């Protein structure tokens, strides 16, 4: 099954696995807007189509930031026409 993966290039761990590139880019854009582009240093977005193919790297570094911000303009996160609703936040832990 084909999937899109955000991978930490330093540790080799997955930071996220997605059904679509748009979902992955939405998470990258949200992270960059909240914490700055340094927050995704060392991450790469790839496409994995194993066992049918060899997969490929789509973008990393500044190109990943550029691609994510272009795909997900700020107003899309605020409920603009045609935008997906933001994912719900986790509930605070009870004390």
C-alpha atoms as a PDB file:
ATOM      1  CA  UNK A   1       0.000   0.000   0.000  1.00  0.00           C
ATOM      2  CA  UNK A   2       1.414   3.373  -0.999  1.00  0.00           C
ATOM      3  CA  UNK A   3       1.848   5.985   1.714  1.00  0.00           C
ATOM      4  CA  UNK A   4       3.558   9.279   2.458  1.00  0.00           C
ATOM      5  CA  UNK A   5       6.072   9.362   5.279  1.00  0.00           C
ATOM      6  CA  UNK A   6       7.714  12.107   7.291  1.00  0.00           C
ATOM      7  CA  UNK A   7      11.019  10.700   8.449  1.00  0.00           C
ATOM      8  CA  UNK A   8      13.574  12.016  10.904  1.00  0.00           C
ATOM      9  CA  UNK A   9      16.804  11.695   8.931  1.00  0.00           C
ATOM     10  CA  UNK A  10      18.931  11.755  12.080  1.00  0.00           C
ATOM     11  CA  UNK A  11      17.237   8.937  14.003  1.00  0.00           C
ATOM     12  CA  UNK A  12      15.602   7.111  11.107  1.00  0.00           C
ATOM     13  CA  UNK A  13      12.254   7.168  12.939  1.00  0.00           C
ATOM     14  CA  UNK A  14       8.945   8.049  11.323  1.00  0.00           C
ATOM     15  CA  UNK A  15       7.511  11.365  12.453  1.00  0.00           C
ATOM     16  CA  UNK A  16       4.244  10.605  10.640  1.00  0.00           C
ATOM     17  CA  UNK A  17       2.635   8.304   8.099  1.00  0.00           C
ATOM     18  CA  UNK A  18      -0.147   9.625   5.854  1.00  0.00           C
ATOM     19  CA  UNK A  19      -2.498   8.442   3.132  1.00  0.00           C
ATOM     20  CA  UNK A  20      -2.005  11.623   1.097  1.00  0.00           C
ATOM     21  CA  UNK A  21       0.739  14.158   0.513  1.00  0.00           C
ATOM     22  CA  UNK A  22      -1.713  16.927   1.413  1.00  0.00           C
ATOM     23  CA  UNK A  23      -2.203  15.496   4.916  1.00  0.00           C
ATOM     24  CA  UNK A  24       1.544  15.375   5.488  1.00  0.00           C
ATOM     25  CA  UNK A  25       2.068  18.902   4.176  1.00  0.00           C
ATOM     26  CA  UNK A  26      -0.759  20.200   6.386  1.00  0.00           C
ATOM     27  CA  UNK A  27       1.027  18.856   9.485  1.00  0.00           C
ATOM     28  CA  UNK A  28       4.367  20.285   8.347  1.00  0.00           C
ATOM     29  CA  UNK A  29       2.802  23.704   7.670  1.00  0.00           C
ATOM     30  CA  UNK A  30       1.102  23.743  11.087  1.00  0.00           C
ATOM     31  CA  UNK A  31       4.381  22.844  12.804  1.00  0.00           C
ATOM     32  CA  UNK A  32       6.335  25.514  10.914  1.00  0.00           C
ATOM     33  CA  UNK A  33       3.755  28.185  11.725  1.00  0.00           C
ATOM     34  CA  UNK A  34       3.685  27.274  15.402  1.00  0.00           C
ATOM     35  CA  UNK A  35       7.372  26.568  16.102  1.00  0.00           C
ATOM     36  CA  UNK A  36       9.293  27.971  13.115  1.00  0.00           C
ATOM     37  CA  UNK A  37      11.126  26.191  10.296  1.00  0.00           C
ATOM     38  CA  UNK A  38      13.829  24.944  12.674  1.00  0.00           C
ATOM     39  CA  UNK A  39      11.237  22.562  14.141  1.00  0.00           C
ATOM     40  CA  UNK A  40      11.381  20.392  11.040  1.00  0.00           C
ATOM     41  CA  UNK A  41      15.162  20.439  10.563  1.00  0.00           C
ATOM     42  CA  UNK A  42      16.215  16.932   9.687  1.00  0.00           C
ATOM     43  CA  UNK A  43      12.787  15.829   8.411  1.00  0.00           C
ATOM     44  CA  UNK A  44      12.093  14.610   4.906  1.00  0.00           C
ATOM     45  CA  UNK A  45       8.846  13.782   3.139  1.00  0.00           C
ATOM     46  CA  UNK A  46       8.907  10.625   1.102  1.00  0.00           C
ATOM     47  CA  UNK A  47       6.593   8.452  -0.941  1.00  0.00           C
ATOM     48  CA  UNK A  48       6.713   4.718  -0.205  1.00  0.00           C
ATOM     49  CA  UNK A  49       5.129   2.349  -2.703  1.00  0.00           C
ATOM     50  CA  UNK A  50       6.832  -0.870  -1.566  1.00  0.00           C
ATOM     51  CA  UNK A  51       6.606  -3.637  -2.797  1.00  0.00           C
ATOM     52  CA  UNK A  52       5.540  -2.226  -6.179  1.00  0.00           C
ATOM     53  CA  UNK A  53       8.341   0.330  -6.449  1.00  0.00           C
ATOM     54  CA  UNK A  54      11.368   1.795  -4.769  1.00  0.00           C
ATOM     55  CA  UNK A  55       9.774   4.949  -3.355  1.00  0.00           C
ATOM     56  CA  UNK A  56      11.252   8.421  -3.544  1.00  0.00           C
ATOM     57  CA  UNK A  57      12.103  11.500  -1.536  1.00  0.00           C
ATOM     58  CA  UNK A  58       9.709  14.348  -2.273  1.00  0.00           C
ATOM     59  CA  UNK A  59      11.321  17.177  -0.276  1.00  0.00           C
ATOM     60  CA  UNK A  60      13.395  18.034   2.776  1.00  0.00           C
ATOM     61  CA  UNK A  61      14.797  21.153   4.435  1.00  0.00           C
ATOM     62  CA  UNK A  62      13.838  24.518   2.965  1.00  0.00           C
ATOM     63  CA  UNK A  63      12.063  22.867   0.032  1.00  0.00           C
ATOM     64  CA  UNK A  64       9.793  20.955   2.430  1.00  0.00           C
ATOM     65  CA  UNK A  65       8.956  24.200   4.256  1.00  0.00           C
ATOM     66  CA  UNK A  66       8.267  26.013   0.963  1.00  0.00           C
ATOM     67  CA  UNK A  67       6.121  23.186  -0.370  1.00  0.00           C
ATOM     68  CA  UNK A  68       4.085  22.866   2.855  1.00  0.00           C
ATOM     69  CA  UNK A  69       3.407  26.597   3.217  1.00  0.00           C
ATOM     70  CA  UNK A  70       2.441  26.873  -0.460  1.00  0.00           C
ATOM     71  CA  UNK A  71       0.051  23.917  -0.195  1.00  0.00           C
ATOM     72  CA  UNK A  72      -1.543  25.137   3.047  1.00  0.00           C
ATOM     73  CA  UNK A  73      -2.036  28.901   3.123  1.00  0.00           C
ATOM     74  CA  UNK A  74      -2.682  30.381   6.591  1.00  0.00           C
ATOM     75  CA  UNK A  75      -6.351  31.136   5.886  1.00  0.00           C
ATOM     76  CA  UNK A  76      -6.995  27.448   5.078  1.00  0.00           C
ATOM     77  CA  UNK A  77      -6.263  26.574   8.699  1.00  0.00           C
ATOM     78  CA  UNK A  78      -8.845  29.144   9.855  1.00  0.00           C
ATOM     79  CA  UNK A  79     -11.865  27.627   8.107  1.00  0.00           C
ATOM     80  CA  UNK A  80     -11.702  29.350   4.720  1.00  0.00           C
ATOM     81  CA  UNK A  81     -14.047  28.078   2.043  1.00  0.00           C
ATOM     82  CA  UNK A  82     -13.033  24.634   0.907  1.00  0.00           C
ATOM     83  CA  UNK A  83     -10.591  24.134   3.764  1.00  0.00           C
ATOM     84  CA  UNK A  84     -10.690  21.074   5.967  1.00  0.00           C
ATOM     85  CA  UNK A  85     -11.531  21.566   9.585  1.00  0.00           C
ATOM     86  CA  UNK A  86      -8.588  21.565  11.948  1.00  0.00           C
ATOM     87  CA  UNK A  87      -8.059  18.391  13.937  1.00  0.00           C
ATOM     88  CA  UNK A  88      -9.397  18.563  17.480  1.00  0.00           C
ATOM     89  CA  UNK A  89      -6.917  19.238  20.248  1.00  0.00           C
ATOM     90  CA  UNK A  90      -6.348  16.722  22.971  1.00  0.00           C
ATOM     91  CA  UNK A  91      -8.286  17.280  26.147  1.00  0.00           C
ATOM     92  CA  UNK A  92      -6.235  18.502  29.096  1.00  0.00           C
ATOM     93  CA  UNK A  93      -5.300  15.835  31.612  1.00  0.00           C
ATOM     94  CA  UNK A  94      -7.423  15.667  34.732  1.00  0.00           C
ATOM     95  CA  UNK A  95      -5.658  16.479  37.963  1.00  0.00           C
END
